[in-house]
Protein backbone atom coordinates (compact mmCIF):
# COMPACT_ATOMS: atom_id res chain seq x y z
CA MET A 1 -18.22 25.21 -7.42
CA PRO A 2 -15.32 23.42 -5.67
CA GLN A 3 -15.99 19.98 -4.24
CA LYS A 4 -16.32 19.58 -0.52
CA PHE A 5 -13.27 18.11 1.25
CA TYR A 6 -13.82 14.52 2.34
CA LYS A 7 -11.68 13.00 5.10
CA HIS A 8 -11.01 9.54 3.64
CA LYS A 9 -10.44 6.57 5.95
CA LEU A 10 -7.29 4.63 5.03
CA LEU A 11 -5.94 1.25 6.03
CA LEU A 12 -2.21 0.83 5.52
CA ASP A 13 -1.27 -2.73 4.61
CA GLU A 14 1.12 -4.65 6.88
CA GLY A 15 4.04 -4.26 4.45
CA PHE A 16 3.42 -0.53 4.11
CA PHE A 17 5.16 2.17 6.13
CA TYR A 18 3.66 3.18 9.45
CA LYS A 19 1.36 6.20 9.42
CA GLN A 20 3.93 8.38 11.23
CA SER A 21 6.06 8.13 8.05
CA LEU A 22 3.36 10.08 6.17
CA PRO A 23 2.91 13.27 8.22
CA ILE A 24 0.82 15.23 5.69
CA THR A 25 -1.52 12.35 4.89
CA ASN A 26 -1.78 11.38 8.55
CA SER A 27 -2.70 14.92 9.59
CA ARG A 28 -5.44 15.36 6.98
CA PHE A 29 -7.04 11.92 6.81
CA ASN A 30 -8.12 9.11 9.12
CA VAL A 31 -5.18 6.72 8.78
CA LYS A 32 -4.78 3.35 10.49
CA HIS A 33 -2.11 0.68 10.05
CA ILE A 34 -3.24 -2.97 10.07
CA LYS A 35 -0.32 -3.99 12.30
CA GLY A 36 0.53 -0.77 14.15
CA ASP A 37 -3.03 0.17 15.13
CA TYR A 38 -5.02 -3.06 14.97
CA LYS A 39 -2.20 -5.47 15.93
CA TYR A 40 -3.03 -7.87 13.08
CA THR A 41 -0.05 -9.67 11.57
CA SER A 42 0.32 -12.18 8.75
CA LEU A 43 -3.26 -11.76 7.51
CA SER A 44 -3.81 -12.90 3.94
CA ASP A 45 -4.63 -10.17 1.42
CA PRO A 46 -8.27 -11.31 1.13
CA LYS A 47 -8.63 -11.08 4.93
CA VAL A 48 -7.13 -7.57 4.96
CA TYR A 49 -9.53 -6.66 2.16
CA ALA A 50 -12.51 -8.08 4.12
CA PHE A 51 -11.39 -6.12 7.19
CA ALA A 52 -11.18 -2.93 5.10
CA VAL A 53 -14.73 -3.56 3.83
CA LYS A 54 -15.98 -4.01 7.39
CA GLU A 55 -14.22 -0.83 8.56
CA ASP A 56 -15.10 1.25 5.44
CA ARG A 57 -11.41 1.95 4.80
CA ILE A 58 -9.42 2.25 1.58
CA ILE A 59 -6.36 -0.02 1.49
CA VAL A 60 -2.99 1.58 0.74
CA THR A 61 -0.38 -0.98 -0.30
CA LEU A 62 2.93 -1.58 -2.03
CA ASN A 63 1.57 -5.02 -2.96
CA VAL A 64 -0.39 -3.92 -6.03
CA LYS A 65 -0.41 -7.18 -7.99
CA ASP A 66 -2.06 -9.22 -5.24
CA TYR A 67 -4.74 -6.62 -4.51
CA LYS A 68 -5.59 -5.91 -8.17
CA PRO A 69 -8.15 -8.77 -8.47
CA LEU A 70 -9.69 -7.86 -5.09
CA ALA A 71 -10.16 -4.14 -5.78
CA PRO A 72 -13.46 -4.33 -7.74
CA LEU A 73 -15.16 -6.80 -5.38
CA SER A 74 -16.81 -4.20 -3.12
CA LYS A 75 -18.04 -0.63 -3.40
CA LEU A 76 -17.30 -0.20 0.34
CA THR A 77 -13.54 -0.11 -0.13
CA GLY A 78 -10.92 0.51 -2.75
CA VAL A 79 -7.21 -0.06 -3.19
CA ILE A 80 -4.47 2.49 -3.70
CA GLY A 81 -1.33 0.84 -5.01
CA VAL A 82 1.90 2.73 -4.39
CA SER A 83 5.13 2.32 -6.35
CA ALA A 84 8.03 1.12 -4.19
CA ASN A 85 10.32 3.39 -6.23
CA LEU A 86 8.95 6.53 -4.57
CA SER A 87 10.50 8.18 -1.52
CA LEU A 88 8.40 8.57 1.62
CA ASP A 89 8.14 12.30 0.91
CA GLN A 90 6.87 11.62 -2.63
CA ILE A 91 4.39 9.03 -1.37
CA ASP A 92 3.09 11.44 1.28
CA LYS A 93 2.60 14.30 -1.18
CA LYS A 94 1.14 12.20 -4.01
CA LEU A 95 -1.20 10.27 -1.70
CA THR A 96 -2.44 13.51 -0.13
CA ALA A 97 -2.97 15.04 -3.58
CA LEU A 98 -4.94 12.01 -4.79
CA LEU A 99 -7.13 11.90 -1.70
CA THR A 100 -7.72 15.66 -1.65
CA LYS A 101 -9.05 15.69 -5.23
CA SER A 102 -11.14 12.53 -4.75
CA THR A 103 -14.78 12.50 -3.70
CA LYS A 104 -16.18 10.20 -1.04
CA LYS A 105 -16.99 7.43 -3.53
CA SER A 106 -14.55 8.01 -6.39
CA LEU A 107 -11.89 5.59 -5.08
CA LEU A 108 -14.29 2.82 -4.05
CA GLY A 109 -14.58 -0.43 -6.00
CA LYS A 110 -11.38 0.08 -7.96
CA LEU A 111 -7.61 0.12 -7.97
CA SER A 112 -5.90 3.51 -8.10
CA THR A 113 -2.14 3.81 -8.41
CA ILE A 114 0.52 6.27 -7.37
CA SER A 115 3.77 6.07 -9.28
CA GLU A 116 6.65 8.11 -10.63
CA GLU A 117 5.94 10.46 -13.47
CA ILE A 118 7.64 9.56 -16.71
């Protein structure tokens, strides 16, 4: 039996591309940008993480190393680290694929990564 589609709630980190740069992901999921939608700038990573917990959103970031220790701290959010070596088109397709195959809770409390295939 196929799993039911879940419309994940994402929070794009300040250094990440705006949601309009990810048309497939933006059309299928609930995507917000910390700066573009919430008007927060220069928040520390722990504060962005706390905001994501409060909003029940999964953080999407290019800043993987700084979020890695934060990722397991709460089962109310998770972190998706994206390789900066990917094009916007690749990010959009790979992020959509990851989210589509993930259940409501499978990305929470951990770091998931999207990178180039070797």
